[in-house]
Amino acid sequence: MIGAESVDNDELKYIKKNITTDDVVKVAKLIKQLEIHGSFTVIVGYPGFPEENIKKTLDFGEKIAKISPLHEVKAHLYAPYPGTPLYNQAIQYGFVPPKTLDEWGNYDYYEVQTPWLKNDLNYIISEYNKKHCPYVL
């Protein structure tokens, strides 16, 4: 499992990932040579970033998937969980967190839960995951 997260280096810095997209591509190519199955994840919809970053990141995931037929790429929507470094920024951008543990139990990072993302992204993510990571429902 490899957290590629984003194609945008500003987003990678924002989430303190300490990698570059070149690093991810190098790993994808190396594990292809070793015939290792790579399960990559990308995350879209960080607060405060332009909407076009979503398409760019999903395109980057497709690039990774094309490196080897053994690779799969799963897309998630950014989820602002309490205690995580970006949680307070998400609140500043209008995120209203669930109030109870039961509500958090129903939180799904495959569906739009943040006010800065459009609901049509649910369909885009669902179709993307069916294509690049078919075990995701």
N, C-alpha and C. Protein backbone atom coordinates (compact mmCIF):
# COMPACT_ATOMS: atom_id res chain seq x y z
N MET A 1 0.86 -1.17 0.00
CA MET A 1 0.00 0.00 0.00
C MET A 1 0.90 1.23 0.00
N ILE A 2 0.70 2.07 -0.98
CA ILE A 2 1.54 3.26 -1.16
C ILE A 2 0.64 4.48 -1.26
N GLY A 3 0.82 5.42 -0.35
CA GLY A 3 0.02 6.64 -0.35
C GLY A 3 0.61 7.68 -1.27
N ALA A 4 0.20 7.67 -2.52
CA ALA A 4 0.68 8.66 -3.49
C ALA A 4 0.06 10.02 -3.17
N GLU A 5 -1.17 10.01 -2.74
CA GLU A 5 -1.96 11.15 -2.27
C GLU A 5 -2.31 12.20 -3.31
N SER A 6 -1.34 12.84 -3.96
CA SER A 6 -1.65 13.94 -4.87
C SER A 6 -0.57 14.08 -5.93
N VAL A 7 -0.92 14.66 -7.05
CA VAL A 7 0.06 14.99 -8.07
C VAL A 7 0.63 16.39 -7.84
N ASP A 8 -0.08 17.17 -7.04
CA ASP A 8 0.30 18.57 -6.83
C ASP A 8 1.31 18.68 -5.69
N ASN A 9 2.51 19.16 -6.01
CA ASN A 9 3.55 19.24 -4.98
C ASN A 9 3.18 20.21 -3.86
N ASP A 10 2.38 21.23 -4.15
CA ASP A 10 1.92 22.12 -3.08
C ASP A 10 0.99 21.38 -2.11
N GLU A 11 0.13 20.52 -2.65
CA GLU A 11 -0.73 19.71 -1.78
C GLU A 11 0.12 18.75 -0.96
N LEU A 12 1.11 18.13 -1.58
CA LEU A 12 1.98 17.21 -0.84
C LEU A 12 2.70 17.92 0.30
N LYS A 13 3.13 19.14 0.07
CA LYS A 13 3.75 19.93 1.15
C LYS A 13 2.72 20.27 2.22
N TYR A 14 1.52 20.63 1.79
CA TYR A 14 0.44 21.00 2.70
C TYR A 14 0.12 19.87 3.68
N ILE A 15 0.13 18.63 3.18
CA ILE A 15 -0.18 17.49 4.03
C ILE A 15 1.08 16.89 4.66
N LYS A 16 2.23 17.55 4.43
CA LYS A 16 3.51 17.15 5.00
C LYS A 16 3.86 15.70 4.63
N LYS A 17 3.70 15.39 3.35
CA LYS A 17 3.93 14.03 2.85
C LYS A 17 5.43 13.72 2.69
N ASN A 18 6.24 14.73 2.43
CA ASN A 18 7.69 14.55 2.27
C ASN A 18 8.07 13.59 1.16
N ILE A 19 7.28 13.59 0.09
CA ILE A 19 7.63 12.85 -1.13
C ILE A 19 7.28 13.75 -2.31
N THR A 20 7.73 13.33 -3.49
CA THR A 20 7.35 14.02 -4.71
C THR A 20 6.64 13.01 -5.62
N THR A 21 6.00 13.53 -6.65
CA THR A 21 5.36 12.63 -7.61
C THR A 21 6.40 11.79 -8.33
N ASP A 22 7.59 12.33 -8.53
CA ASP A 22 8.66 11.54 -9.15
C ASP A 22 9.01 10.34 -8.28
N ASP A 23 9.00 10.51 -6.97
CA ASP A 23 9.26 9.39 -6.06
C ASP A 23 8.24 8.28 -6.26
N VAL A 24 6.99 8.66 -6.40
CA VAL A 24 5.92 7.68 -6.56
C VAL A 24 6.08 6.92 -7.88
N VAL A 25 6.38 7.63 -8.95
CA VAL A 25 6.58 6.98 -10.25
C VAL A 25 7.77 6.03 -10.19
N LYS A 26 8.85 6.45 -9.55
CA LYS A 26 10.03 5.57 -9.41
C LYS A 26 9.67 4.28 -8.68
N VAL A 27 8.91 4.41 -7.60
CA VAL A 27 8.49 3.22 -6.85
C VAL A 27 7.61 2.32 -7.71
N ALA A 28 6.66 2.92 -8.43
CA ALA A 28 5.76 2.13 -9.28
C ALA A 28 6.56 1.36 -10.33
N LYS A 29 7.57 1.99 -10.90
CA LYS A 29 8.39 1.31 -11.91
C LYS A 29 9.27 0.24 -11.28
N LEU A 30 9.81 0.52 -10.11
CA LEU A 30 10.67 -0.46 -9.44
C LEU A 30 9.89 -1.70 -9.05
N ILE A 31 8.73 -1.52 -8.45
CA ILE A 31 7.99 -2.72 -8.03
C ILE A 31 7.41 -3.47 -9.24
N LYS A 32 7.23 -2.77 -10.35
CA LYS A 32 6.84 -3.47 -11.58
C LYS A 32 7.96 -4.42 -12.00
N GLN A 33 9.20 -3.93 -11.97
CA GLN A 33 10.35 -4.78 -12.35
C GLN A 33 10.45 -6.00 -11.44
N LEU A 34 10.07 -5.84 -10.19
CA LEU A 34 10.14 -6.93 -9.22
C LEU A 34 8.87 -7.78 -9.22
N GLU A 35 7.93 -7.44 -10.11
CA GLU A 35 6.64 -8.13 -10.23
C GLU A 35 5.86 -8.12 -8.92
N ILE A 36 5.87 -6.98 -8.25
CA ILE A 36 5.13 -6.78 -7.00
C ILE A 36 3.87 -5.99 -7.30
N HIS A 37 2.78 -6.45 -6.74
CA HIS A 37 1.49 -5.76 -6.84
C HIS A 37 1.55 -4.48 -6.02
N GLY A 38 1.27 -3.36 -6.65
CA GLY A 38 1.24 -2.08 -5.94
C GLY A 38 -0.19 -1.59 -5.76
N SER A 39 -0.55 -1.31 -4.53
CA SER A 39 -1.85 -0.74 -4.23
C SER A 39 -1.62 0.71 -3.81
N PHE A 40 -1.94 1.63 -4.70
CA PHE A 40 -1.69 3.06 -4.49
C PHE A 40 -2.99 3.75 -4.10
N THR A 41 -2.87 4.79 -3.29
CA THR A 41 -4.03 5.61 -2.97
C THR A 41 -3.75 7.06 -3.35
N VAL A 42 -4.80 7.72 -3.81
CA VAL A 42 -4.75 9.16 -4.03
C VAL A 42 -5.91 9.78 -3.26
N ILE A 43 -5.71 11.01 -2.84
CA ILE A 43 -6.74 11.74 -2.10
C ILE A 43 -7.01 13.04 -2.83
N VAL A 44 -8.28 13.34 -3.02
CA VAL A 44 -8.64 14.59 -3.70
C VAL A 44 -9.55 15.41 -2.80
N GLY A 45 -9.55 16.73 -3.05
CA GLY A 45 -10.48 17.60 -2.35
C GLY A 45 -9.95 18.25 -1.09
N TYR A 46 -8.65 18.50 -1.06
CA TYR A 46 -8.09 19.21 0.10
C TYR A 46 -8.67 20.63 0.16
N PRO A 47 -8.94 21.13 1.37
CA PRO A 47 -9.52 22.48 1.48
C PRO A 47 -8.55 23.55 1.00
N GLY A 48 -9.09 24.50 0.24
CA GLY A 48 -8.30 25.64 -0.19
C GLY A 48 -7.53 25.45 -1.48
N PHE A 49 -7.66 24.30 -2.11
CA PHE A 49 -6.93 24.05 -3.35
C PHE A 49 -7.90 24.08 -4.53
N PRO A 50 -7.40 24.45 -5.71
CA PRO A 50 -8.29 24.58 -6.87
C PRO A 50 -8.89 23.23 -7.29
N GLU A 51 -10.11 23.33 -7.80
CA GLU A 51 -10.83 22.14 -8.23
C GLU A 51 -10.08 21.36 -9.32
N GLU A 52 -9.32 22.06 -10.15
CA GLU A 52 -8.61 21.36 -11.23
C GLU A 52 -7.55 20.39 -10.69
N ASN A 53 -7.14 20.54 -9.45
CA ASN A 53 -6.19 19.59 -8.85
C ASN A 53 -6.79 18.19 -8.76
N ILE A 54 -8.12 18.12 -8.65
CA ILE A 54 -8.79 16.82 -8.55
C ILE A 54 -8.55 16.02 -9.83
N LYS A 55 -8.84 16.62 -10.97
CA LYS A 55 -8.63 15.91 -12.25
C LYS A 55 -7.16 15.57 -12.45
N LYS A 56 -6.28 16.49 -12.13
CA LYS A 56 -4.85 16.23 -12.29
C LYS A 56 -4.40 15.05 -11.43
N THR A 57 -4.89 14.98 -10.21
CA THR A 57 -4.51 13.87 -9.33
C THR A 57 -5.09 12.56 -9.83
N LEU A 58 -6.34 12.57 -10.29
CA LEU A 58 -6.92 11.34 -10.83
C LEU A 58 -6.19 10.90 -12.09
N ASP A 59 -5.78 11.85 -12.92
CA ASP A 59 -4.98 11.52 -14.11
C ASP A 59 -3.63 10.92 -13.70
N PHE A 60 -3.05 11.45 -12.65
CA PHE A 60 -1.78 10.90 -12.14
C PHE A 60 -1.98 9.46 -11.68
N GLY A 61 -3.10 9.19 -11.01
CA GLY A 61 -3.39 7.81 -10.61
C GLY A 61 -3.50 6.88 -11.81
N GLU A 62 -4.10 7.38 -12.89
CA GLU A 62 -4.18 6.57 -14.11
C GLU A 62 -2.79 6.30 -14.68
N LYS A 63 -1.92 7.29 -14.60
CA LYS A 63 -0.54 7.12 -15.07
C LYS A 63 0.14 6.00 -14.27
N ILE A 64 -0.06 5.99 -12.98
CA ILE A 64 0.51 4.94 -12.12
C ILE A 64 -0.05 3.58 -12.51
N ALA A 65 -1.36 3.52 -12.71
CA ALA A 65 -2.01 2.25 -13.05
C ALA A 65 -1.48 1.70 -14.38
N LYS A 66 -1.13 2.58 -15.30
CA LYS A 66 -0.64 2.14 -16.62
C LYS A 66 0.80 1.63 -16.57
N ILE A 67 1.50 1.91 -15.51
CA ILE A 67 2.90 1.45 -15.42
C ILE A 67 2.96 -0.07 -15.36
N SER A 68 1.98 -0.67 -14.67
CA SER A 68 1.96 -2.13 -14.57
C SER A 68 0.53 -2.62 -14.41
N PRO A 69 0.20 -3.75 -15.06
CA PRO A 69 -1.14 -4.31 -14.86
C PRO A 69 -1.33 -4.84 -13.44
N LEU A 70 -0.24 -4.97 -12.69
CA LEU A 70 -0.34 -5.40 -11.30
C LEU A 70 -0.74 -4.26 -10.36
N HIS A 71 -0.62 -3.04 -10.82
CA HIS A 71 -0.92 -1.89 -9.96
C HIS A 71 -2.40 -1.56 -9.97
N GLU A 72 -2.88 -1.14 -8.82
CA GLU A 72 -4.23 -0.61 -8.70
C GLU A 72 -4.13 0.73 -7.98
N VAL A 73 -5.11 1.58 -8.24
CA VAL A 73 -5.13 2.90 -7.64
C VAL A 73 -6.53 3.16 -7.11
N LYS A 74 -6.60 3.51 -5.85
CA LYS A 74 -7.87 3.79 -5.21
C LYS A 74 -7.93 5.28 -4.86
N ALA A 75 -9.02 5.93 -5.19
CA ALA A 75 -9.20 7.35 -4.90
C ALA A 75 -10.12 7.53 -3.70
N HIS A 76 -9.72 8.44 -2.84
CA HIS A 76 -10.51 8.81 -1.67
C HIS A 76 -10.77 10.31 -1.72
N LEU A 77 -11.83 10.73 -1.06
CA LEU A 77 -12.08 12.15 -0.85
C LEU A 77 -11.44 12.54 0.48
N TYR A 78 -10.84 13.71 0.51
CA TYR A 78 -10.22 14.18 1.74
C TYR A 78 -11.23 14.12 2.89
N ALA A 79 -10.80 13.55 4.01
CA ALA A 79 -11.66 13.42 5.18
C ALA A 79 -11.02 14.14 6.37
N PRO A 80 -11.66 15.16 6.89
CA PRO A 80 -11.10 15.90 8.02
C PRO A 80 -11.45 15.25 9.36
N TYR A 81 -10.61 14.33 9.80
CA TYR A 81 -10.85 13.65 11.07
C TYR A 81 -10.30 14.46 12.24
N PRO A 82 -10.99 14.45 13.38
CA PRO A 82 -10.50 15.18 14.56
C PRO A 82 -9.10 14.72 14.95
N GLY A 83 -8.29 15.69 15.32
CA GLY A 83 -6.94 15.38 15.76
C GLY A 83 -5.91 15.32 14.64
N THR A 84 -6.37 15.34 13.40
CA THR A 84 -5.43 15.33 12.29
C THR A 84 -4.97 16.76 12.01
N PRO A 85 -3.80 16.92 11.42
CA PRO A 85 -3.24 18.26 11.23
C PRO A 85 -4.12 19.23 10.43
N LEU A 86 -4.93 18.75 9.52
CA LEU A 86 -5.72 19.64 8.67
C LEU A 86 -7.15 19.84 9.17
N TYR A 87 -7.50 19.22 10.28
CA TYR A 87 -8.88 19.27 10.77
C TYR A 87 -9.35 20.70 10.99
N ASN A 88 -8.56 21.52 11.69
CA ASN A 88 -8.98 22.89 11.97
C ASN A 88 -9.11 23.72 10.70
N GLN A 89 -8.25 23.47 9.71
CA GLN A 89 -8.38 24.18 8.43
C GLN A 89 -9.69 23.81 7.75
N ALA A 90 -10.08 22.54 7.84
CA ALA A 90 -11.34 22.11 7.24
C ALA A 90 -12.52 22.83 7.90
N ILE A 91 -12.47 22.99 9.22
CA ILE A 91 -13.51 23.73 9.94
C ILE A 91 -13.57 25.17 9.43
N GLN A 92 -12.39 25.78 9.23
CA GLN A 92 -12.34 27.16 8.72
C GLN A 92 -12.95 27.27 7.33
N TYR A 93 -12.89 26.19 6.54
CA TYR A 93 -13.47 26.19 5.20
C TYR A 93 -14.93 25.75 5.20
N GLY A 94 -15.52 25.63 6.37
CA GLY A 94 -16.95 25.37 6.45
C GLY A 94 -17.37 23.95 6.77
N PHE A 95 -16.43 23.06 7.02
CA PHE A 95 -16.79 21.68 7.37
C PHE A 95 -17.50 21.66 8.72
N VAL A 96 -18.65 21.00 8.76
CA VAL A 96 -19.38 20.81 10.01
C VAL A 96 -19.24 19.33 10.38
N PRO A 97 -18.46 19.04 11.42
CA PRO A 97 -18.19 17.63 11.75
C PRO A 97 -19.41 16.94 12.34
N PRO A 98 -19.46 15.63 12.17
CA PRO A 98 -20.50 14.86 12.87
C PRO A 98 -20.39 15.12 14.37
N LYS A 99 -21.53 15.05 15.05
CA LYS A 99 -21.55 15.39 16.47
C LYS A 99 -21.43 14.18 17.40
N THR A 100 -21.75 13.01 16.88
CA THR A 100 -21.73 11.82 17.74
C THR A 100 -20.82 10.76 17.13
N LEU A 101 -20.47 9.80 17.94
CA LEU A 101 -19.66 8.68 17.46
C LEU A 101 -20.41 7.89 16.40
N ASP A 102 -21.72 7.73 16.58
CA ASP A 102 -22.53 7.04 15.57
C ASP A 102 -22.49 7.77 14.24
N GLU A 103 -22.58 9.11 14.28
CA GLU A 103 -22.49 9.88 13.03
C GLU A 103 -21.13 9.72 12.39
N TRP A 104 -20.07 9.72 13.20
CA TRP A 104 -18.73 9.49 12.64
C TRP A 104 -18.63 8.08 12.05
N GLY A 105 -19.31 7.14 12.67
CA GLY A 105 -19.30 5.77 12.17
C GLY A 105 -19.88 5.65 10.78
N ASN A 106 -20.74 6.59 10.41
CA ASN A 106 -21.36 6.60 9.08
C ASN A 106 -20.61 7.49 8.09
N TYR A 107 -19.55 8.14 8.54
CA TYR A 107 -18.78 9.01 7.66
C TYR A 107 -18.08 8.16 6.60
N ASP A 108 -18.19 8.56 5.36
CA ASP A 108 -17.65 7.76 4.25
C ASP A 108 -16.77 8.63 3.36
N TYR A 109 -15.49 8.30 3.29
CA TYR A 109 -14.58 9.11 2.47
C TYR A 109 -14.62 8.75 0.99
N TYR A 110 -15.66 8.03 0.59
CA TYR A 110 -15.92 7.82 -0.83
C TYR A 110 -17.09 8.69 -1.29
N GLU A 111 -17.65 9.47 -0.36
CA GLU A 111 -18.75 10.37 -0.69
C GLU A 111 -18.44 11.78 -0.20
N VAL A 112 -18.91 12.76 -0.94
CA VAL A 112 -18.65 14.16 -0.59
C VAL A 112 -19.27 14.45 0.78
N GLN A 113 -18.43 14.93 1.70
CA GLN A 113 -18.86 15.28 3.05
C GLN A 113 -18.44 16.71 3.42
N THR A 114 -17.74 17.37 2.51
CA THR A 114 -17.21 18.70 2.79
C THR A 114 -17.87 19.73 1.87
N PRO A 115 -18.10 20.95 2.37
CA PRO A 115 -18.88 21.92 1.59
C PRO A 115 -18.16 22.48 0.38
N TRP A 116 -16.86 22.33 0.26
CA TRP A 116 -16.14 22.90 -0.88
C TRP A 116 -16.09 21.96 -2.08
N LEU A 117 -16.66 20.76 -1.95
CA LEU A 117 -16.68 19.82 -3.08
C LEU A 117 -18.10 19.66 -3.61
N LYS A 118 -18.20 19.40 -4.90
CA LYS A 118 -19.50 19.22 -5.55
C LYS A 118 -19.93 17.76 -5.46
N ASN A 119 -21.23 17.53 -5.32
CA ASN A 119 -21.75 16.18 -5.17
C ASN A 119 -21.50 15.30 -6.39
N ASP A 120 -21.31 15.88 -7.58
CA ASP A 120 -21.06 15.03 -8.76
C ASP A 120 -19.72 14.30 -8.64
N LEU A 121 -18.91 14.71 -7.70
CA LEU A 121 -17.64 14.03 -7.47
C LEU A 121 -17.86 12.61 -6.94
N ASN A 122 -19.00 12.36 -6.29
CA ASN A 122 -19.31 11.00 -5.83
C ASN A 122 -19.29 10.03 -7.00
N TYR A 123 -19.95 10.39 -8.08
CA TYR A 123 -20.01 9.52 -9.26
C TYR A 123 -18.62 9.36 -9.88
N ILE A 124 -17.89 10.46 -9.99
CA ILE A 124 -16.55 10.43 -10.59
C ILE A 124 -15.64 9.49 -9.81
N ILE A 125 -15.65 9.60 -8.49
CA ILE A 125 -14.80 8.75 -7.64
C ILE A 125 -15.24 7.29 -7.74
N SER A 126 -16.54 7.07 -7.72
CA SER A 126 -17.06 5.70 -7.82
C SER A 126 -16.62 5.03 -9.13
N GLU A 127 -16.79 5.73 -10.23
CA GLU A 127 -16.41 5.17 -11.54
C GLU A 127 -14.89 4.99 -11.64
N TYR A 128 -14.15 5.93 -11.10
CA TYR A 128 -12.68 5.84 -11.11
C TYR A 128 -12.24 4.58 -10.35
N ASN A 129 -12.81 4.36 -9.18
CA ASN A 129 -12.42 3.21 -8.38
C ASN A 129 -12.84 1.89 -9.02
N LYS A 130 -13.98 1.87 -9.68
CA LYS A 130 -14.39 0.65 -10.40
C LYS A 130 -13.37 0.30 -11.48
N LYS A 131 -12.83 1.32 -12.13
CA LYS A 131 -11.88 1.10 -13.21
C LYS A 131 -10.48 0.74 -12.70
N HIS A 132 -10.03 1.41 -11.66
CA HIS A 132 -8.64 1.27 -11.25
C HIS A 132 -8.44 0.45 -9.98
N CYS A 133 -9.52 0.14 -9.29
CA CYS A 133 -9.43 -0.63 -8.06
C CYS A 133 -10.78 -1.32 -7.86
N PRO A 134 -11.05 -2.34 -8.65
CA PRO A 134 -12.41 -2.89 -8.74
C PRO A 134 -12.96 -3.50 -7.45
N TYR A 135 -12.11 -3.81 -6.45
CA TYR A 135 -12.67 -4.38 -5.24
C TYR A 135 -13.35 -3.34 -4.36
N VAL A 136 -13.18 -2.05 -4.67
CA VAL A 136 -13.86 -0.99 -3.93
C VAL A 136 -15.28 -0.88 -4.43
N LEU A 137 -16.24 -0.90 -3.54
CA LEU A 137 -17.65 -0.82 -3.94
C LEU A 137 -18.07 0.58 -4.19
